[in-house]
Protein backbone atom coordinates (compact mmCIF):
# COMPACT_ATOMS: atom_id res chain seq x y z
CA MET A 1 5.41 -12.54 -4.07
CA ALA A 2 8.63 -12.20 -6.07
CA ARG A 3 11.16 -9.58 -5.12
CA PRO A 4 11.60 -6.70 -7.57
CA ARG A 5 14.61 -7.10 -9.84
CA ILE A 6 17.45 -4.61 -9.74
CA LYS A 7 19.49 -3.75 -12.81
CA THR A 8 22.82 -1.95 -12.64
CA LEU A 9 24.90 -0.26 -15.29
CA PRO A 10 28.00 1.88 -15.30
CA LEU A 11 27.25 5.60 -15.21
CA SER A 12 29.78 6.01 -18.03
CA ASP A 13 27.38 4.18 -20.40
CA LEU A 14 24.90 7.06 -20.23
CA LYS A 15 24.93 9.91 -22.75
CA CYS A 16 24.63 12.43 -19.92
CA PHE A 17 27.71 11.01 -18.13
CA ASP A 18 29.77 14.22 -18.40
CA THR A 19 26.94 16.38 -17.07
CA ILE A 20 26.35 14.08 -14.09
CA VAL A 21 30.09 13.89 -13.31
CA LEU A 22 30.34 17.71 -13.29
CA GLU A 23 27.30 17.95 -11.01
CA LEU A 24 28.62 15.32 -8.58
CA LYS A 25 32.13 16.85 -8.52
CA SER A 26 30.60 20.18 -7.48
CA MET A 27 29.16 18.53 -4.34
CA PRO A 28 31.56 18.47 -1.36
CA GLU A 29 30.17 15.16 -0.02
CA PHE A 30 31.50 13.35 -3.13
CA GLU A 31 35.01 14.81 -2.89
CA ASP A 32 36.61 11.49 -1.87
CA PHE A 33 34.63 9.33 -4.29
CA ASP A 34 35.66 7.86 -7.66
CA ILE A 35 32.78 9.31 -9.68
CA GLY A 36 34.16 7.98 -12.97
CA ASN A 37 33.40 4.41 -11.80
CA ALA A 38 29.92 5.18 -10.46
CA ILE A 39 27.17 2.65 -11.03
CA VAL A 40 23.47 3.33 -11.50
CA SER A 41 21.00 0.90 -9.88
CA ILE A 42 17.43 0.76 -11.12
CA LYS A 43 14.77 -1.12 -9.17
CA GLN A 44 11.83 -2.75 -10.95
CA ARG A 45 8.46 -1.15 -10.26
CA LYS A 46 6.20 -3.00 -7.88
CA PRO A 47 3.19 -4.36 -9.78
CA VAL A 48 -0.17 -2.86 -8.87
CA TYR A 49 -2.11 -5.22 -6.63
CA THR A 50 -5.65 -6.08 -7.64
CA ALA A 51 -7.95 -8.14 -5.45
CA LYS A 52 -9.69 -11.15 -6.90
CA PRO A 53 -13.37 -10.40 -7.57
CA GLU A 54 -14.44 -13.64 -5.88
CA SER A 55 -12.51 -12.65 -2.73
CA ILE A 56 -14.28 -9.29 -2.69
CA GLU A 57 -17.69 -10.93 -3.12
CA THR A 58 -16.99 -13.37 -0.29
CA ALA A 59 -15.77 -10.56 1.96
CA ILE A 60 -18.91 -8.48 1.25
CA LYS A 61 -21.20 -11.43 2.04
CA ASN A 62 -19.32 -12.14 5.27
CA LEU A 63 -19.47 -8.49 6.33
CA GLU A 64 -23.18 -8.24 5.56
CA LYS A 65 -23.82 -11.32 7.73
CA TYR A 66 -21.71 -9.83 10.55
CA ILE A 67 -23.53 -6.48 10.39
CA GLU A 68 -26.92 -8.19 10.26
CA LYS A 69 -26.03 -10.21 13.36
CA ASN A 70 -24.14 -7.54 15.37
CA GLY A 71 -25.47 -4.24 14.04
CA THR A 72 -23.42 -1.31 12.75
CA ASP A 73 -21.78 0.20 15.80
CA LYS A 74 -19.92 3.11 14.17
CA PHE A 75 -17.32 3.11 16.94
CA ALA A 76 -16.55 -0.63 17.10
CA GLU A 77 -12.94 -0.85 16.00
CA LEU A 78 -11.77 -4.11 14.44
CA THR A 79 -8.23 -5.44 14.82
CA LYS A 80 -6.51 -6.80 11.74
CA GLN A 81 -6.90 -10.30 13.10
CA ASP A 82 -10.63 -9.80 13.67
CA MET A 83 -11.09 -8.18 10.29
CA SER A 84 -9.23 -10.86 8.32
CA ALA A 85 -11.26 -13.59 10.04
CA LEU A 86 -14.47 -11.67 9.44
CA LEU A 87 -13.69 -11.09 5.75
CA GLY A 88 -12.58 -14.68 5.21
CA ILE A 89 -9.13 -13.67 3.96
CA SER A 90 -5.61 -14.16 5.31
CA ARG A 91 -3.73 -11.49 7.27
CA PRO A 92 -1.19 -11.00 4.43
CA THR A 93 -4.07 -10.50 1.98
CA LEU A 94 -5.63 -7.96 4.35
CA ASP A 95 -2.30 -6.10 4.51
CA ARG A 96 -2.16 -6.03 0.69
CA TRP A 97 -5.73 -4.70 0.56
CA ILE A 98 -4.84 -1.94 3.03
CA GLU A 99 -1.64 -1.04 1.16
CA ALA A 100 -3.49 -1.00 -2.18
CA GLU A 101 -6.21 1.16 -0.55
CA ILE A 102 -8.90 -1.37 -1.44
CA ILE A 103 -10.35 -0.83 2.01
CA GLU A 104 -10.28 2.48 3.84
CA ARG A 105 -10.55 3.67 7.39
CA GLY A 106 -13.77 5.35 8.51
CA THR A 107 -14.00 8.46 10.68
CA ILE A 108 -15.19 7.58 14.17
CA GLY A 109 -14.80 11.01 15.73
CA PHE A 110 -12.56 13.97 16.49
CA TYR A 111 -10.16 14.62 19.36
CA HIS A 112 -8.89 18.19 19.81
CA GLY A 113 -9.71 18.86 16.17
CA ILE A 114 -7.85 15.78 14.91
CA GLU A 115 -9.87 13.32 12.89
CA ILE A 116 -9.80 9.78 14.32
CA ARG A 117 -10.01 7.16 11.58
CA THR A 118 -10.04 3.41 12.02
CA PHE A 119 -11.34 0.29 10.36
CA THR A 120 -14.94 -0.51 11.20
CA ALA A 121 -17.26 -3.08 9.65
CA ILE A 122 -19.31 -0.39 7.91
CA SER A 123 -16.27 1.51 6.54
CA VAL A 124 -14.80 -1.69 5.12
CA LEU A 125 -18.16 -2.72 3.64
CA ASN A 126 -18.54 0.70 1.98
CA SER A 127 -15.03 0.46 0.48
CA LEU A 128 -15.65 -3.04 -0.89
CA GLU A 129 -19.05 -2.13 -2.35
CA GLU A 130 -17.50 0.89 -4.12
CA LEU A 131 -14.84 -1.41 -5.59
CA ARG A 132 -17.46 -3.92 -6.71
CA GLN A 133 -19.37 -1.19 -8.58
CA LYS A 134 -16.31 -0.10 -10.60
């Protein structure tokens, strides 16, 4: 995945330069700084990740086979390594799916009033089926 680009430009090129300079000069932490030569850096937005439909279909089929064979133990926690092997995807792809909230953790219980959420076969299957229906 490509790194986001960063663009820089002198603060003095902006129309609001004088306003920003006055604001920064009023802050004691910028007392020893050359505000007139300040530079603005703008980082490119990270593109939204979307999973490939064929990957989702394969993952659903694999999970259904696993659940059919092993049952749906609500409390059986899966490690990332187990889950990626089970879904038929790589670990980096699994991390992208988690970050993009394609799959979600399921609630397995409560401890002193705190909800305990983790990835289980059934919670991942539910998340993927919801995505497939959209």
